């Protein structure tokens, strides 16, 4: 039987406020499920999620889940 490889997940926490950020950065945070400072979400570790994290990397903390 073939085993399926899972890419894993990442835990993302918003560390800085969305106030005075560009609309693109706010939309990216909301697409990840982050609304306010301290919000945490678990997302799949894939190319799409990594691109979103890269866009707002200065505002979030990322750990492997």
C-alpha atoms as a PDB file:
ATOM      1  CA  UNK A   1       0.000   0.000   0.000  1.00  0.00           C
ATOM      2  CA  UNK A   2       1.192   3.482  -0.842  1.00  0.00           C
ATOM      3  CA  UNK A   3       1.450   5.955   1.986  1.00  0.00           C
ATOM      4  CA  UNK A   4       0.203   9.473   1.461  1.00  0.00           C
ATOM      5  CA  UNK A   5       2.587  12.248   2.397  1.00  0.00           C
ATOM      6  CA  UNK A   6       1.019  15.199   4.137  1.00  0.00           C
ATOM      7  CA  UNK A   7       2.600  18.586   3.794  1.00  0.00           C
ATOM      8  CA  UNK A   8       1.833  19.347   7.436  1.00  0.00           C
ATOM      9  CA  UNK A   9       0.405  22.441   9.021  1.00  0.00           C
ATOM     10  CA  UNK A  10       1.634  25.758  10.352  1.00  0.00           C
ATOM     11  CA  UNK A  11       0.345  27.781  13.279  1.00  0.00           C
ATOM     12  CA  UNK A  12       0.083  31.501  12.483  1.00  0.00           C
ATOM     13  CA  UNK A  13      -0.366  34.189  15.153  1.00  0.00           C
ATOM     14  CA  UNK A  14      -1.002  37.861  14.414  1.00  0.00           C
ATOM     15  CA  UNK A  15       1.494  39.877  16.474  1.00  0.00           C
ATOM     16  CA  UNK A  16       0.995  43.425  15.141  1.00  0.00           C
ATOM     17  CA  UNK A  17      -2.122  45.496  14.524  1.00  0.00           C
ATOM     18  CA  UNK A  18      -3.795  45.802  11.125  1.00  0.00           C
ATOM     19  CA  UNK A  19      -4.396  49.514  11.706  1.00  0.00           C
ATOM     20  CA  UNK A  20      -2.715  51.737   9.078  1.00  0.00           C
ATOM     21  CA  UNK A  21      -1.776  48.763   6.883  1.00  0.00           C
ATOM     22  CA  UNK A  22      -2.390  48.550   3.152  1.00  0.00           C
ATOM     23  CA  UNK A  23      -5.648  47.022   1.933  1.00  0.00           C
ATOM     24  CA  UNK A  24      -3.676  44.126   0.459  1.00  0.00           C
ATOM     25  CA  UNK A  25      -2.092  43.280   3.830  1.00  0.00           C
ATOM     26  CA  UNK A  26      -5.443  43.518   5.645  1.00  0.00           C
ATOM     27  CA  UNK A  27      -7.098  41.271   3.044  1.00  0.00           C
ATOM     28  CA  UNK A  28      -4.258  38.750   3.323  1.00  0.00           C
ATOM     29  CA  UNK A  29      -4.566  38.610   7.124  1.00  0.00           C
ATOM     30  CA  UNK A  30      -8.337  38.154   6.898  1.00  0.00           C
ATOM     31  CA  UNK A  31      -7.929  35.390   4.302  1.00  0.00           C
ATOM     32  CA  UNK A  32      -5.775  33.557   6.834  1.00  0.00           C
ATOM     33  CA  UNK A  33      -8.492  34.016   9.481  1.00  0.00           C
ATOM     34  CA  UNK A  34      -6.662  36.688  11.490  1.00  0.00           C
ATOM     35  CA  UNK A  35      -8.785  39.617  12.659  1.00  0.00           C
ATOM     36  CA  UNK A  36      -7.099  41.047  15.737  1.00  0.00           C
ATOM     37  CA  UNK A  37      -3.789  40.918  17.557  1.00  0.00           C
ATOM     38  CA  UNK A  38      -3.344  37.581  19.296  1.00  0.00           C
ATOM     39  CA  UNK A  39      -5.573  35.617  16.894  1.00  0.00           C
ATOM     40  CA  UNK A  40      -4.117  32.240  15.986  1.00  0.00           C
ATOM     41  CA  UNK A  41      -5.007  29.929  13.126  1.00  0.00           C
ATOM     42  CA  UNK A  42      -3.737  26.605  11.801  1.00  0.00           C
ATOM     43  CA  UNK A  43      -3.282  26.438   8.032  1.00  0.00           C
ATOM     44  CA  UNK A  44      -1.890  23.802   5.659  1.00  0.00           C
ATOM     45  CA  UNK A  45       1.793  24.193   4.855  1.00  0.00           C
ATOM     46  CA  UNK A  46       1.612  24.720   1.088  1.00  0.00           C
ATOM     47  CA  UNK A  47       2.720  27.252  -1.529  1.00  0.00           C
ATOM     48  CA  UNK A  48      -0.437  29.375  -1.284  1.00  0.00           C
ATOM     49  CA  UNK A  49      -0.196  29.710   2.495  1.00  0.00           C
ATOM     50  CA  UNK A  50       3.540  30.422   2.332  1.00  0.00           C
ATOM     51  CA  UNK A  51       2.892  33.234  -0.155  1.00  0.00           C
ATOM     52  CA  UNK A  52       0.322  34.797   2.167  1.00  0.00           C
ATOM     53  CA  UNK A  53       2.691  34.497   5.115  1.00  0.00           C
ATOM     54  CA  UNK A  54       5.446  36.136   3.061  1.00  0.00           C
ATOM     55  CA  UNK A  55       3.172  39.113   2.307  1.00  0.00           C
ATOM     56  CA  UNK A  56       2.578  39.850   6.006  1.00  0.00           C
ATOM     57  CA  UNK A  57       5.681  38.206   7.509  1.00  0.00           C
ATOM     58  CA  UNK A  58       6.536  41.334   9.536  1.00  0.00           C
ATOM     59  CA  UNK A  59       3.192  41.117  11.374  1.00  0.00           C
ATOM     60  CA  UNK A  60       2.902  37.400  12.146  1.00  0.00           C
ATOM     61  CA  UNK A  61       4.700  34.647  14.020  1.00  0.00           C
ATOM     62  CA  UNK A  62       4.784  31.231  12.360  1.00  0.00           C
ATOM     63  CA  UNK A  63       5.505  27.856  13.984  1.00  0.00           C
ATOM     64  CA  UNK A  64       5.099  24.287  12.809  1.00  0.00           C
ATOM     65  CA  UNK A  65       1.908  22.743  14.181  1.00  0.00           C
END
